[in-house]
PDB file of N, CA and C in Angstrom:
ATOM      1  N   MET A   1       0.844  -1.181   0.000  1.00  0.00           N
ATOM      2  CA  MET A   1       0.000   0.000   0.000  1.00  0.00           C
ATOM      3  C   MET A   1       0.890   1.245   0.000  1.00  0.00           C
ATOM      4  N   GLU A   2       0.456   2.250  -0.719  1.00  0.00           N
ATOM      5  CA  GLU A   2       1.209   3.497  -0.818  1.00  0.00           C
ATOM      6  C   GLU A   2       0.961   4.381   0.400  1.00  0.00           C
ATOM      7  N   GLY A   3       1.981   5.112   0.831  1.00  0.00           N
ATOM      8  CA  GLY A   3       1.851   6.003   1.981  1.00  0.00           C
ATOM      9  C   GLY A   3       0.841   7.113   1.744  1.00  0.00           C
ATOM     10  N   LYS A   4       0.261   7.629   2.850  1.00  0.00           N
ATOM     11  CA  LYS A   4      -0.722   8.711   2.714  1.00  0.00           C
ATOM     12  C   LYS A   4      -0.856   9.477   4.025  1.00  0.00           C
ATOM     13  N   PHE A   5      -1.416  10.683   3.930  1.00  0.00           N
ATOM     14  CA  PHE A   5      -1.718  11.475   5.113  1.00  0.00           C
ATOM     15  C   PHE A   5      -3.016  10.972   5.725  1.00  0.00           C
ATOM     16  N   LEU A   6      -2.996  10.613   7.007  1.00  0.00           N
ATOM     17  CA  LEU A   6      -4.204  10.215   7.720  1.00  0.00           C
ATOM     18  C   LEU A   6      -4.864  11.441   8.340  1.00  0.00           C
ATOM     19  N   ILE A   7      -4.061  12.411   8.714  1.00  0.00           N
ATOM     20  CA  ILE A   7      -4.545  13.698   9.226  1.00  0.00           C
ATOM     21  C   ILE A   7      -3.716  14.771   8.525  1.00  0.00           C
ATOM     22  N   ASN A   8      -4.380  15.795   8.015  1.00  0.00           N
ATOM     23  CA  ASN A   8      -3.655  16.877   7.349  1.00  0.00           C
ATOM     24  C   ASN A   8      -4.502  18.139   7.407  1.00  0.00           C
ATOM     25  N   ASN A   9      -4.220  19.017   8.351  1.00  0.00           N
ATOM     26  CA  ASN A   9      -4.995  20.249   8.456  1.00  0.00           C
ATOM     27  C   ASN A   9      -4.173  21.492   8.119  1.00  0.00           C
ATOM     28  N   VAL A  10      -3.072  21.305   7.387  1.00  0.00           N
ATOM     29  CA  VAL A  10      -2.264  22.459   6.975  1.00  0.00           C
ATOM     30  C   VAL A  10      -3.051  23.242   5.922  1.00  0.00           C
ATOM     31  N   GLU A  11      -2.963  24.551   5.998  1.00  0.00           N
ATOM     32  CA  GLU A  11      -3.668  25.407   5.044  1.00  0.00           C
ATOM     33  C   GLU A  11      -2.658  26.146   4.183  1.00  0.00           C
ATOM     34  N   ARG A  12      -3.039  26.409   2.963  1.00  0.00           N
ATOM     35  CA  ARG A  12      -2.151  27.101   2.026  1.00  0.00           C
ATOM     36  C   ARG A  12      -1.680  28.442   2.594  1.00  0.00           C
ATOM     37  N   VAL A  13      -2.564  29.121   3.319  1.00  0.00           N
ATOM     38  CA  VAL A  13      -2.258  30.445   3.863  1.00  0.00           C
ATOM     39  C   VAL A  13      -1.115  30.407   4.868  1.00  0.00           C
ATOM     40  N   ASN A  14      -1.023  29.339   5.660  1.00  0.00           N
ATOM     41  CA  ASN A  14      -0.016  29.318   6.724  1.00  0.00           C
ATOM     42  C   ASN A  14       1.100  28.305   6.510  1.00  0.00           C
ATOM     43  N   LYS A  15       1.117  27.618   5.382  1.00  0.00           N
ATOM     44  CA  LYS A  15       2.117  26.552   5.218  1.00  0.00           C
ATOM     45  C   LYS A  15       3.553  27.059   5.171  1.00  0.00           C
ATOM     46  N   ASP A  16       3.765  28.308   4.788  1.00  0.00           N
ATOM     47  CA  ASP A  16       5.119  28.860   4.719  1.00  0.00           C
ATOM     48  C   ASP A  16       5.507  29.643   5.973  1.00  0.00           C
ATOM     49  N   LEU A  17       4.650  29.655   6.968  1.00  0.00           N
ATOM     50  CA  LEU A  17       4.914  30.382   8.212  1.00  0.00           C
ATOM     51  C   LEU A  17       5.304  29.411   9.315  1.00  0.00           C
ATOM     52  N   GLY A  18       6.070  29.887  10.289  1.00  0.00           N
ATOM     53  CA  GLY A  18       6.423  29.058  11.436  1.00  0.00           C
ATOM     54  C   GLY A  18       7.524  28.057  11.130  1.00  0.00           C
ATOM     55  N   VAL A  19       7.658  27.087  12.012  1.00  0.00           N
ATOM     56  CA  VAL A  19       8.662  26.029  11.873  1.00  0.00           C
ATOM     57  C   VAL A  19       7.961  24.679  11.900  1.00  0.00           C
ATOM     58  N   THR A  20       8.641  23.656  11.407  1.00  0.00           N
ATOM     59  CA  THR A  20       8.068  22.314  11.370  1.00  0.00           C
ATOM     60  C   THR A  20       8.835  21.403  12.313  1.00  0.00           C
ATOM     61  N   LEU A  21       8.105  20.712  13.161  1.00  0.00           N
ATOM     62  CA  LEU A  21       8.670  19.711  14.063  1.00  0.00           C
ATOM     63  C   LEU A  21       8.260  18.348  13.523  1.00  0.00           C
ATOM     64  N   VAL A  22       9.250  17.519  13.165  1.00  0.00           N
ATOM     65  CA  VAL A  22       8.985  16.203  12.588  1.00  0.00           C
ATOM     66  C   VAL A  22       9.310  15.133  13.621  1.00  0.00           C
ATOM     67  N   CYS A  23       8.359  14.232  13.846  1.00  0.00           N
ATOM     68  CA  CYS A  23       8.522  13.152  14.819  1.00  0.00           C
ATOM     69  C   CYS A  23       8.234  11.830  14.117  1.00  0.00           C
ATOM     70  N   CYS A  24       9.165  10.898  14.194  1.00  0.00           N
ATOM     71  CA  CYS A  24       9.029   9.612  13.517  1.00  0.00           C
ATOM     72  C   CYS A  24       8.770   8.509  14.544  1.00  0.00           C
ATOM     73  N   PHE A  25       7.781   7.662  14.262  1.00  0.00           N
ATOM     74  CA  PHE A  25       7.426   6.574  15.175  1.00  0.00           C
ATOM     75  C   PHE A  25       7.450   5.234  14.456  1.00  0.00           C
ATOM     76  N   SER A  26       7.912   4.202  15.169  1.00  0.00           N
ATOM     77  CA  SER A  26       7.834   2.840  14.655  1.00  0.00           C
ATOM     78  C   SER A  26       7.411   1.851  15.741  1.00  0.00           C
ATOM     79  N   ARG A  27       7.207   2.335  16.970  1.00  0.00           N
ATOM     80  CA  ARG A  27       6.790   1.479  18.086  1.00  0.00           C
ATOM     81  C   ARG A  27       5.672   2.153  18.874  1.00  0.00           C
ATOM     82  N   THR A  28       4.616   1.417  19.137  1.00  0.00           N
ATOM     83  CA  THR A  28       3.464   1.933  19.878  1.00  0.00           C
ATOM     84  C   THR A  28       3.814   2.274  21.318  1.00  0.00           C
ATOM     85  N   ILE A  29       4.720   1.535  21.913  1.00  0.00           N
ATOM     86  CA  ILE A  29       5.045   1.707  23.332  1.00  0.00           C
ATOM     87  C   ILE A  29       5.541   3.123  23.651  1.00  0.00           C
ATOM     88  N   PHE A  30       6.153   3.799  22.681  1.00  0.00           N
ATOM     89  CA  PHE A  30       6.727   5.128  22.935  1.00  0.00           C
ATOM     90  C   PHE A  30       5.729   6.276  22.796  1.00  0.00           C
ATOM     91  N   VAL A  31       4.578   6.022  22.218  1.00  0.00           N
ATOM     92  CA  VAL A  31       3.611   7.090  21.935  1.00  0.00           C
ATOM     93  C   VAL A  31       3.198   7.866  23.182  1.00  0.00           C
ATOM     94  N   PRO A  32       2.705   7.212  24.250  1.00  0.00           N
ATOM     95  CA  PRO A  32       2.272   7.995  25.418  1.00  0.00           C
ATOM     96  C   PRO A  32       3.414   8.772  26.080  1.00  0.00           C
ATOM     97  N   PHE A  33       4.600   8.177  26.133  1.00  0.00           N
ATOM     98  CA  PHE A  33       5.749   8.853  26.746  1.00  0.00           C
ATOM     99  C   PHE A  33       6.142  10.094  25.953  1.00  0.00           C
ATOM    100  N   PHE A  34       6.170   9.960  24.638  1.00  0.00           N
ATOM    101  CA  PHE A  34       6.554  11.085  23.796  1.00  0.00           C
ATOM    102  C   PHE A  34       5.566  12.239  23.922  1.00  0.00           C
ATOM    103  N   PHE A  35       4.277  11.955  23.802  1.00  0.00           N
ATOM    104  CA  PHE A  35       3.290  13.034  23.825  1.00  0.00           C
ATOM    105  C   PHE A  35       3.167  13.667  25.206  1.00  0.00           C
ATOM    106  N   LYS A  36       3.426  12.899  26.244  1.00  0.00           N
ATOM    107  CA  LYS A  36       3.439  13.479  27.592  1.00  0.00           C
ATOM    108  C   LYS A  36       4.600  14.479  27.703  1.00  0.00           C
ATOM    109  N   ALA A  37       5.766  14.073  27.216  1.00  0.00           N
ATOM    110  CA  ALA A  37       6.939  14.958  27.252  1.00  0.00           C
ATOM    111  C   ALA A  37       6.731  16.179  26.354  1.00  0.00           C
ATOM    112  N   LEU A  38       6.119  15.980  25.200  1.00  0.00           N
ATOM    113  CA  LEU A  38       5.864  17.090  24.282  1.00  0.00           C
ATOM    114  C   LEU A  38       4.949  18.134  24.923  1.00  0.00           C
ATOM    115  N   LYS A  39       3.945  17.681  25.634  1.00  0.00           N
ATOM    116  CA  LYS A  39       3.015  18.596  26.312  1.00  0.00           C
ATOM    117  C   LYS A  39       3.721  19.407  27.396  1.00  0.00           C
ATOM    118  N   GLN A  40       4.754  18.829  28.007  1.00  0.00           N
ATOM    119  CA  GLN A  40       5.469  19.500  29.091  1.00  0.00           C
ATOM    120  C   GLN A  40       6.524  20.489  28.592  1.00  0.00           C
ATOM    121  N   MET A  41       6.851  20.426  27.315  1.00  0.00           N
ATOM    122  CA  MET A  41       7.864  21.333  26.757  1.00  0.00           C
ATOM    123  C   MET A  41       7.284  22.731  26.576  1.00  0.00           C
ATOM    124  N   ASP A  42       8.114  23.724  26.838  1.00  0.00           N
ATOM    125  CA  ASP A  42       7.719  25.116  26.646  1.00  0.00           C
ATOM    126  C   ASP A  42       8.030  25.492  25.196  1.00  0.00           C
ATOM    127  N   LEU A  43       7.038  25.327  24.325  1.00  0.00           N
ATOM    128  CA  LEU A  43       7.209  25.576  22.898  1.00  0.00           C
ATOM    129  C   LEU A  43       6.176  26.588  22.411  1.00  0.00           C
ATOM    130  N   PRO A  44       6.515  27.363  21.388  1.00  0.00           N
ATOM    131  CA  PRO A  44       5.526  28.279  20.793  1.00  0.00           C
ATOM    132  C   PRO A  44       4.612  27.503  19.833  1.00  0.00           C
ATOM    133  N   ARG A  45       3.743  26.681  20.372  1.00  0.00           N
ATOM    134  CA  ARG A  45       2.940  25.742  19.590  1.00  0.00           C
ATOM    135  C   ARG A  45       2.152  26.385  18.441  1.00  0.00           C
ATOM    136  N   LYS A  46       1.655  27.586  18.644  1.00  0.00           N
ATOM    137  CA  LYS A  46       0.873  28.249  17.586  1.00  0.00           C
ATOM    138  C   LYS A  46       1.738  28.632  16.384  1.00  0.00           C
ATOM    139  N   ASP A  47       3.058  28.503  16.521  1.00  0.00           N
ATOM    140  CA  ASP A  47       3.977  28.773  15.409  1.00  0.00           C
ATOM    141  C   ASP A  47       4.602  27.490  14.863  1.00  0.00           C
ATOM    142  N   ILE A  48       4.100  26.338  15.310  1.00  0.00           N
ATOM    143  CA  ILE A  48       4.709  25.058  14.933  1.00  0.00           C
ATOM    144  C   ILE A  48       3.755  24.220  14.088  1.00  0.00           C
ATOM    145  N   HIS A  49       4.295  23.736  12.963  1.00  0.00           N
ATOM    146  CA  HIS A  49       3.618  22.721  12.160  1.00  0.00           C
ATOM    147  C   HIS A  49       4.154  21.383  12.688  1.00  0.00           C
ATOM    148  N   LEU A  50       3.291  20.538  13.189  1.00  0.00           N
ATOM    149  CA  LEU A  50       3.708  19.240  13.720  1.00  0.00           C
ATOM    150  C   LEU A  50       3.463  18.176  12.659  1.00  0.00           C
ATOM    151  N   LEU A  51       4.524  17.496  12.253  1.00  0.00           N
ATOM    152  CA  LEU A  51       4.421  16.404  11.287  1.00  0.00           C
ATOM    153  C   LEU A  51       4.813  15.117  11.996  1.00  0.00           C
ATOM    154  N   VAL A  52       3.858  14.224  12.144  1.00  0.00           N
ATOM    155  CA  VAL A  52       4.102  12.937  12.797  1.00  0.00           C
ATOM    156  C   VAL A  52       4.163  11.887  11.695  1.00  0.00           C
ATOM    157  N   TYR A  53       5.271  11.158  11.654  1.00  0.00           N
ATOM    158  CA  TYR A  53       5.521  10.169  10.606  1.00  0.00           C
ATOM    159  C   TYR A  53       5.448   8.774  11.209  1.00  0.00           C
ATOM    160  N   ASP A  54       4.470   8.006  10.770  1.00  0.00           N
ATOM    161  CA  ASP A  54       4.311   6.612  11.197  1.00  0.00           C
ATOM    162  C   ASP A  54       5.041   5.761  10.170  1.00  0.00           C
ATOM    163  N   ASN A  55       6.150   5.187  10.572  1.00  0.00           N
ATOM    164  CA  ASN A  55       7.064   4.489   9.682  1.00  0.00           C
ATOM    165  C   ASN A  55       6.745   2.998   9.551  1.00  0.00           C
ATOM    166  N   THR A  56       5.474   2.604   9.725  1.00  0.00           N
ATOM    167  CA  THR A  56       5.108   1.189   9.725  1.00  0.00           C
ATOM    168  C   THR A  56       3.779   0.959   9.016  1.00  0.00           C
ATOM    169  N   LYS A  57       3.402  -0.308   8.925  1.00  0.00           N
ATOM    170  CA  LYS A  57       2.047  -0.636   8.479  1.00  0.00           C
ATOM    171  C   LYS A  57       1.207  -1.125   9.660  1.00  0.00           C
ATOM    172  N   ASN A  58       1.664  -0.874  10.867  1.00  0.00           N
ATOM    173  CA  ASN A  58       0.998  -1.278  12.104  1.00  0.00           C
ATOM    174  C   ASN A  58      -0.235  -0.398  12.348  1.00  0.00           C
ATOM    175  N   GLU A  59      -1.419  -0.983  12.264  1.00  0.00           N
ATOM    176  CA  GLU A  59      -2.664  -0.223  12.444  1.00  0.00           C
ATOM    177  C   GLU A  59      -2.868   0.198  13.899  1.00  0.00           C
ATOM    178  N   GLU A  60      -2.364  -0.582  14.847  1.00  0.00           N
ATOM    179  CA  GLU A  60      -2.467  -0.216  16.269  1.00  0.00           C
ATOM    180  C   GLU A  60      -1.686   1.074  16.542  1.00  0.00           C
ATOM    181  N   LEU A  61      -0.524   1.188  15.938  1.00  0.00           N
ATOM    182  CA  LEU A  61       0.282   2.403  16.086  1.00  0.00           C
ATOM    183  C   LEU A  61      -0.455   3.601  15.484  1.00  0.00           C
ATOM    184  N   ALA A  62      -1.039   3.426  14.318  1.00  0.00           N
ATOM    185  CA  ALA A  62      -1.782   4.519  13.674  1.00  0.00           C
ATOM    186  C   ALA A  62      -2.945   4.977  14.547  1.00  0.00           C
ATOM    187  N   LYS A  63      -3.652   4.037  15.130  1.00  0.00           N
ATOM    188  CA  LYS A  63      -4.793   4.371  15.992  1.00  0.00           C
ATOM    189  C   LYS A  63      -4.325   5.140  17.229  1.00  0.00           C
ATOM    190  N   SER A  64      -3.250   4.682  17.830  1.00  0.00           N
ATOM    191  CA  SER A  64      -2.689   5.334  19.013  1.00  0.00           C
ATOM    192  C   SER A  64      -2.221   6.761  18.690  1.00  0.00           C
ATOM    193  N   LEU A  65      -1.562   6.928  17.553  1.00  0.00           N
ATOM    194  CA  LEU A  65      -1.096   8.255  17.140  1.00  0.00           C
ATOM    195  C   LEU A  65      -2.273   9.185  16.850  1.00  0.00           C
ATOM    196  N   LYS A  66      -3.293   8.683  16.167  1.00  0.00           N
ATOM    197  CA  LYS A  66      -4.480   9.501  15.871  1.00  0.00           C
ATOM    198  C   LYS A  66      -5.124  10.011  17.149  1.00  0.00           C
ATOM    199  N   THR A  67      -5.256   9.133  18.133  1.00  0.00           N
ATOM    200  CA  THR A  67      -5.870   9.517  19.409  1.00  0.00           C
ATOM    201  C   THR A  67      -5.093  10.646  20.064  1.00  0.00           C
ATOM    202  N   GLU A  68      -3.782  10.503  20.155  1.00  0.00           N
ATOM    203  CA  GLU A  68      -2.948  11.533  20.780  1.00  0.00           C
ATOM    204  C   GLU A  68      -2.964  12.834  19.979  1.00  0.00           C
ATOM    205  N   ILE A  69      -2.884  12.723  18.676  1.00  0.00           N
ATOM    206  CA  ILE A  69      -2.830  13.908  17.822  1.00  0.00           C
ATOM    207  C   ILE A  69      -4.128  14.702  17.890  1.00  0.00           C
ATOM    208  N   GLN A  70      -5.250  14.012  17.913  1.00  0.00           N
ATOM    209  CA  GLN A  70      -6.538  14.714  17.972  1.00  0.00           C
ATOM    210  C   GLN A  70      -6.667  15.532  19.252  1.00  0.00           C
ATOM    211  N   ARG A  71      -6.030  15.099  20.315  1.00  0.00           N
ATOM    212  CA  ARG A  71      -6.061  15.842  21.581  1.00  0.00           C
ATOM    213  C   ARG A  71      -5.267  17.143  21.514  1.00  0.00           C
ATOM    214  N   ILE A  72      -4.183  17.146  20.765  1.00  0.00           N
ATOM    215  CA  ILE A  72      -3.292  18.312  20.773  1.00  0.00           C
ATOM    216  C   ILE A  72      -3.418  19.209  19.548  1.00  0.00           C
ATOM    217  N   THR A  73      -4.162  18.793  18.543  1.00  0.00           N
ATOM    218  CA  THR A  73      -4.274  19.547  17.291  1.00  0.00           C
ATOM    219  C   THR A  73      -4.589  21.027  17.471  1.00  0.00           C
ATOM    220  N   PRO A  74      -5.543  21.416  18.325  1.00  0.00           N
ATOM    221  CA  PRO A  74      -5.866  22.844  18.444  1.00  0.00           C
ATOM    222  C   PRO A  74      -4.701  23.722  18.922  1.00  0.00           C
ATOM    223  N   SER A  75      -3.707  23.128  19.544  1.00  0.00           N
ATOM    224  CA  SER A  75      -2.579  23.895  20.086  1.00  0.00           C
ATOM    225  C   SER A  75      -1.552  24.299  19.029  1.00  0.00           C
ATOM    226  N   TYR A  76      -1.575  23.666  17.854  1.00  0.00           N
ATOM    227  CA  TYR A  76      -0.532  23.863  16.846  1.00  0.00           C
ATOM    228  C   TYR A  76      -1.047  24.621  15.625  1.00  0.00           C
ATOM    229  N   LYS A  77      -0.124  25.231  14.900  1.00  0.00           N
ATOM    230  CA  LYS A  77      -0.467  25.927  13.651  1.00  0.00           C
ATOM    231  C   LYS A  77      -1.101  24.944  12.670  1.00  0.00           C
ATOM    232  N   SER A  78      -0.509  23.752  12.558  1.00  0.00           N
ATOM    233  CA  SER A  78      -1.084  22.671  11.753  1.00  0.00           C
ATOM    234  C   SER A  78      -0.523  21.351  12.262  1.00  0.00           C
ATOM    235  N   VAL A  79      -1.246  20.289  11.966  1.00  0.00           N
ATOM    236  CA  VAL A  79      -0.810  18.949  12.365  1.00  0.00           C
ATOM    237  C   VAL A  79      -1.062  18.002  11.201  1.00  0.00           C
ATOM    238  N   ARG A  80      -0.050  17.181  10.919  1.00  0.00           N
ATOM    239  CA  ARG A  80      -0.186  16.165   9.876  1.00  0.00           C
ATOM    240  C   ARG A  80       0.310  14.836  10.418  1.00  0.00           C
ATOM    241  N   LEU A  81      -0.404  13.789  10.080  1.00  0.00           N
ATOM    242  CA  LEU A  81       0.010  12.420  10.410  1.00  0.00           C
ATOM    243  C   LEU A  81       0.168  11.688   9.094  1.00  0.00           C
ATOM    244  N   TYR A  82       1.391  11.246   8.821  1.00  0.00           N
ATOM    245  CA  TYR A  82       1.674  10.529   7.584  1.00  0.00           C
ATOM    246  C   TYR A  82       2.000   9.086   7.916  1.00  0.00           C
ATOM    247  N   LYS A  83       1.375   8.158   7.199  1.00  0.00           N
ATOM    248  CA  LYS A  83       1.624   6.728   7.406  1.00  0.00           C
ATOM    249  C   LYS A  83       2.293   6.172   6.159  1.00  0.00           C
ATOM    250  N   SER A  84       3.438   5.503   6.341  1.00  0.00           N
ATOM    251  CA  SER A  84       4.214   5.017   5.203  1.00  0.00           C
ATOM    252  C   SER A  84       3.802   3.624   4.738  1.00  0.00           C
ATOM    253  N   TYR A  85       3.227   2.813   5.626  1.00  0.00           N
ATOM    254  CA  TYR A  85       2.844   1.420   5.337  1.00  0.00           C
ATOM    255  C   TYR A  85       4.045   0.570   4.946  1.00  0.00           C
ATOM    256  N   LEU A  86       5.221   0.891   5.496  1.00  0.00           N
ATOM    257  CA  LEU A  86       6.410   0.089   5.225  1.00  0.00           C
ATOM    258  C   LEU A  86       6.373  -1.190   6.050  1.00  0.00           C
ATOM    259  N   PRO A  87       6.838  -2.301   5.490  1.00  0.00           N
ATOM    260  CA  PRO A  87       6.884  -3.545   6.264  1.00  0.00           C
ATOM    261  C   PRO A  87       7.936  -3.454   7.365  1.00  0.00           C
ATOM    262  N   PRO A  88       7.755  -4.237   8.441  1.00  0.00           N
ATOM    263  CA  PRO A  88       8.722  -4.190   9.556  1.00  0.00           C
ATOM    264  C   PRO A  88      10.102  -4.675   9.152  1.00  0.00           C
TER     265      PRO A  88
END
């Protein structure tokens, strides 16, 4: 299966503004730890495009990432979740 964006709320108007934070995941176990730490960081979230890259074809990981991302989406300039569907 070809990779695709599962979540993509970037807008043409703001895509060239701010900075992009890219986070790559391949294991479900790290998701809660990462997002807890991310929430605790003092970042200018309204100026950050968050790109989360799911480097697997693991559907459990995608579900876990979607849940976490939906909670934090309003805090960021834009949020994208890309799934590669690469084999392990």
